[in-house]
Structures are given as C-alpha cells and as structure tokens.
C-alpha cells in the first residue's frame, strides 16, 4: 500500500480546479506534510491544525474512503 500522499498526487494533474486538486497541490507544496504516512489519525490531526482551506477535512475524509478501498 502506498502512502496517502502518493495516492493524492493523482489529483495534481486535474484540468479542473476542484477541491481534490487544491488539497493535492497544497500537500505537494507543504514540506512538513507527513508524506510517508498511511495513518488516518496522523493525517487527520495534521490537517486539523494546518487546513489549507475551509472544507479540507471533508475532502480528506471523502478521498480517504476511496484510498482505503483502492489501496487495500
């Protein structure tokens, strides 16, 4: 299973400017983001304190579910 960060990089190339792309771009630019993590608790905690935009946690939760299904 690859890390959540690596899973999210699929959204960076989106032609549409959506929340998934916005979150992926922010993760890419944030040098402190836990890029090797596969832990929901660690990533959720990080986003709670460093959320890049309103609704980022909702976007994360939605993508996390897909990540779990596709990466397990």
N, C-alpha and C. Protein backbone atom coordinates (compact mmCIF):
# COMPACT_ATOMS: atom_id res chain seq x y z
N UNK A 1 0.85 -1.18 0.00
CA UNK A 1 0.00 0.00 0.00
C UNK A 1 0.89 1.24 0.00
N UNK A 2 0.66 2.12 -0.95
CA UNK A 2 1.44 3.36 -0.99
C UNK A 2 0.88 4.38 0.00
N UNK A 3 1.66 5.37 0.30
CA UNK A 3 1.23 6.38 1.26
C UNK A 3 0.07 7.21 0.70
N UNK A 4 -0.67 7.85 1.58
CA UNK A 4 -1.79 8.69 1.17
C UNK A 4 -1.30 9.82 0.29
N UNK A 5 -0.16 10.39 0.64
CA UNK A 5 0.43 11.48 -0.17
C UNK A 5 0.62 11.02 -1.62
N UNK A 6 1.22 9.86 -1.80
CA UNK A 6 1.47 9.36 -3.15
C UNK A 6 0.15 9.08 -3.88
N UNK A 7 -0.83 8.59 -3.16
CA UNK A 7 -2.14 8.39 -3.75
C UNK A 7 -2.73 9.72 -4.22
N UNK A 8 -2.58 10.76 -3.42
CA UNK A 8 -3.15 12.07 -3.73
C UNK A 8 -2.52 12.74 -4.94
N UNK A 9 -1.31 12.38 -5.26
CA UNK A 9 -0.62 13.05 -6.37
C UNK A 9 -1.33 12.82 -7.71
N UNK A 10 -2.23 11.85 -7.78
CA UNK A 10 -3.03 11.63 -8.99
C UNK A 10 -3.93 12.82 -9.29
N UNK A 11 -4.27 13.60 -8.26
CA UNK A 11 -5.17 14.73 -8.43
C UNK A 11 -4.46 16.01 -8.88
N UNK A 12 -3.15 16.04 -8.82
CA UNK A 12 -2.41 17.25 -9.19
C UNK A 12 -2.58 17.59 -10.66
N UNK A 13 -2.75 16.62 -11.50
CA UNK A 13 -2.84 16.88 -12.94
C UNK A 13 -4.24 17.20 -13.43
N UNK A 14 -5.20 17.26 -12.54
CA UNK A 14 -6.57 17.55 -12.97
C UNK A 14 -6.64 18.87 -13.73
N UNK A 15 -7.37 18.86 -14.81
CA UNK A 15 -7.56 20.10 -15.57
C UNK A 15 -8.57 21.00 -14.89
N UNK A 16 -9.48 20.39 -14.15
CA UNK A 16 -10.49 21.16 -13.43
C UNK A 16 -9.94 21.59 -12.08
N UNK A 17 -10.19 22.82 -11.72
CA UNK A 17 -9.74 23.29 -10.42
C UNK A 17 -10.82 22.91 -9.40
N UNK A 18 -10.63 21.77 -8.76
CA UNK A 18 -11.57 21.31 -7.77
C UNK A 18 -10.87 21.18 -6.42
N UNK A 19 -11.64 20.79 -5.41
CA UNK A 19 -11.08 20.70 -4.06
C UNK A 19 -10.04 19.60 -3.94
N UNK A 20 -10.21 18.52 -4.67
CA UNK A 20 -9.23 17.45 -4.64
C UNK A 20 -7.88 17.94 -5.16
N UNK A 21 -7.92 18.65 -6.27
CA UNK A 21 -6.69 19.20 -6.83
C UNK A 21 -6.08 20.23 -5.87
N UNK A 22 -6.92 21.06 -5.27
CA UNK A 22 -6.43 22.07 -4.34
C UNK A 22 -5.72 21.42 -3.15
N UNK A 23 -6.30 20.35 -2.62
CA UNK A 23 -5.67 19.66 -1.49
C UNK A 23 -4.36 19.00 -1.92
N UNK A 24 -4.36 18.36 -3.08
CA UNK A 24 -3.14 17.71 -3.58
C UNK A 24 -2.02 18.72 -3.81
N UNK A 25 -2.35 19.86 -4.39
CA UNK A 25 -1.33 20.89 -4.63
C UNK A 25 -0.77 21.41 -3.31
N UNK A 26 -1.64 21.60 -2.33
CA UNK A 26 -1.19 22.08 -1.02
C UNK A 26 -0.27 21.05 -0.36
N UNK A 27 -0.65 19.77 -0.43
CA UNK A 27 0.18 18.71 0.14
C UNK A 27 1.55 18.69 -0.51
N UNK A 28 1.59 18.88 -1.82
CA UNK A 28 2.85 18.88 -2.56
C UNK A 28 3.75 20.05 -2.12
N UNK A 29 3.15 21.20 -1.90
CA UNK A 29 3.90 22.40 -1.53
C UNK A 29 4.31 22.44 -0.05
N UNK A 30 3.58 21.73 0.81
CA UNK A 30 3.83 21.75 2.25
C UNK A 30 4.94 20.75 2.58
N UNK A 31 6.12 21.26 2.85
CA UNK A 31 7.28 20.41 3.11
C UNK A 31 7.19 19.67 4.44
N UNK A 32 6.28 20.08 5.30
CA UNK A 32 6.11 19.41 6.60
C UNK A 32 5.04 18.33 6.57
N UNK A 33 4.32 18.23 5.48
CA UNK A 33 3.26 17.23 5.40
C UNK A 33 3.86 15.83 5.57
N UNK A 34 3.20 14.98 6.38
CA UNK A 34 3.74 13.61 6.60
C UNK A 34 3.56 12.74 5.35
N UNK A 35 4.47 12.86 4.43
CA UNK A 35 4.36 12.26 3.10
C UNK A 35 4.42 10.73 3.08
N UNK A 36 4.98 10.12 4.10
CA UNK A 36 5.09 8.66 4.12
C UNK A 36 3.96 7.99 4.91
N UNK A 37 3.09 8.79 5.49
CA UNK A 37 2.07 8.26 6.39
C UNK A 37 0.95 7.52 5.66
N UNK A 38 0.49 6.46 6.32
CA UNK A 38 -0.67 5.70 5.88
C UNK A 38 -1.71 5.68 6.99
N UNK A 39 -1.51 6.54 8.00
CA UNK A 39 -2.35 6.56 9.19
C UNK A 39 -3.40 7.67 9.12
N UNK A 40 -4.65 7.26 9.20
CA UNK A 40 -5.75 8.23 9.19
C UNK A 40 -5.60 9.23 10.33
N UNK A 41 -5.31 8.73 11.52
CA UNK A 41 -5.21 9.61 12.70
C UNK A 41 -4.10 10.65 12.55
N UNK A 42 -2.95 10.23 12.08
CA UNK A 42 -1.83 11.16 11.89
C UNK A 42 -2.17 12.23 10.85
N UNK A 43 -2.71 11.81 9.73
CA UNK A 43 -3.03 12.74 8.65
C UNK A 43 -4.18 13.67 9.03
N UNK A 44 -5.19 13.13 9.65
CA UNK A 44 -6.34 13.93 10.07
C UNK A 44 -5.91 14.98 11.10
N UNK A 45 -5.09 14.57 12.03
CA UNK A 45 -4.57 15.51 13.05
C UNK A 45 -3.77 16.63 12.39
N UNK A 46 -2.92 16.27 11.46
CA UNK A 46 -2.11 17.28 10.77
C UNK A 46 -3.00 18.28 10.04
N UNK A 47 -4.01 17.77 9.37
CA UNK A 47 -4.91 18.64 8.63
C UNK A 47 -5.76 19.52 9.55
N UNK A 48 -6.12 19.00 10.71
CA UNK A 48 -6.90 19.81 11.66
C UNK A 48 -6.15 21.08 12.04
N UNK A 49 -4.85 20.96 12.21
CA UNK A 49 -4.05 22.12 12.65
C UNK A 49 -3.50 22.94 11.50
N UNK A 50 -3.50 22.39 10.30
CA UNK A 50 -2.88 23.07 9.16
C UNK A 50 -3.78 23.14 7.93
N UNK A 51 -5.08 23.06 8.13
CA UNK A 51 -6.01 23.01 6.99
C UNK A 51 -5.78 24.18 6.04
N UNK A 52 -5.57 23.88 4.76
CA UNK A 52 -5.27 24.92 3.78
C UNK A 52 -6.48 25.72 3.32
N UNK A 53 -7.68 25.17 3.50
CA UNK A 53 -8.90 25.87 3.08
C UNK A 53 -10.08 25.27 3.84
N UNK A 54 -11.16 26.04 3.89
CA UNK A 54 -12.37 25.57 4.54
C UNK A 54 -12.88 24.34 3.81
N UNK A 55 -13.17 23.31 4.53
CA UNK A 55 -13.67 22.09 3.92
C UNK A 55 -12.60 21.07 3.58
N UNK A 56 -11.35 21.38 3.87
CA UNK A 56 -10.25 20.47 3.54
C UNK A 56 -10.41 19.12 4.25
N UNK A 57 -10.89 19.15 5.49
CA UNK A 57 -11.07 17.90 6.22
C UNK A 57 -12.16 17.04 5.60
N UNK A 58 -13.20 17.66 5.11
CA UNK A 58 -14.27 16.91 4.43
C UNK A 58 -13.75 16.27 3.15
N UNK A 59 -12.94 17.00 2.42
CA UNK A 59 -12.33 16.47 1.19
C UNK A 59 -11.43 15.30 1.55
N UNK A 60 -10.62 15.47 2.58
CA UNK A 60 -9.73 14.40 3.04
C UNK A 60 -10.53 13.15 3.40
N UNK A 61 -11.59 13.30 4.19
CA UNK A 61 -12.39 12.15 4.60
C UNK A 61 -13.00 11.43 3.40
N UNK A 62 -13.47 12.17 2.45
CA UNK A 62 -14.07 11.59 1.25
C UNK A 62 -13.02 10.81 0.45
N UNK A 63 -11.86 11.40 0.27
CA UNK A 63 -10.80 10.72 -0.50
C UNK A 63 -10.22 9.55 0.28
N UNK A 64 -10.16 9.67 1.60
CA UNK A 64 -9.61 8.60 2.43
C UNK A 64 -10.38 7.29 2.20
N UNK A 65 -11.72 7.39 2.12
CA UNK A 65 -12.53 6.20 1.90
C UNK A 65 -12.15 5.52 0.59
N UNK A 66 -11.98 6.28 -0.46
CA UNK A 66 -11.58 5.74 -1.76
C UNK A 66 -10.17 5.15 -1.68
N UNK A 67 -9.29 5.85 -1.01
CA UNK A 67 -7.91 5.39 -0.81
C UNK A 67 -7.90 4.02 -0.14
N UNK A 68 -8.68 3.86 0.91
CA UNK A 68 -8.73 2.58 1.62
C UNK A 68 -9.21 1.45 0.72
N UNK A 69 -10.19 1.72 -0.10
CA UNK A 69 -10.74 0.68 -1.00
C UNK A 69 -9.73 0.34 -2.09
N UNK A 70 -9.15 1.34 -2.71
CA UNK A 70 -8.25 1.11 -3.85
C UNK A 70 -6.88 0.59 -3.45
N UNK A 71 -6.42 0.93 -2.27
CA UNK A 71 -5.06 0.57 -1.86
C UNK A 71 -4.98 -0.65 -0.96
N UNK A 72 -6.11 -1.24 -0.61
CA UNK A 72 -6.04 -2.42 0.28
C UNK A 72 -6.07 -3.71 -0.49
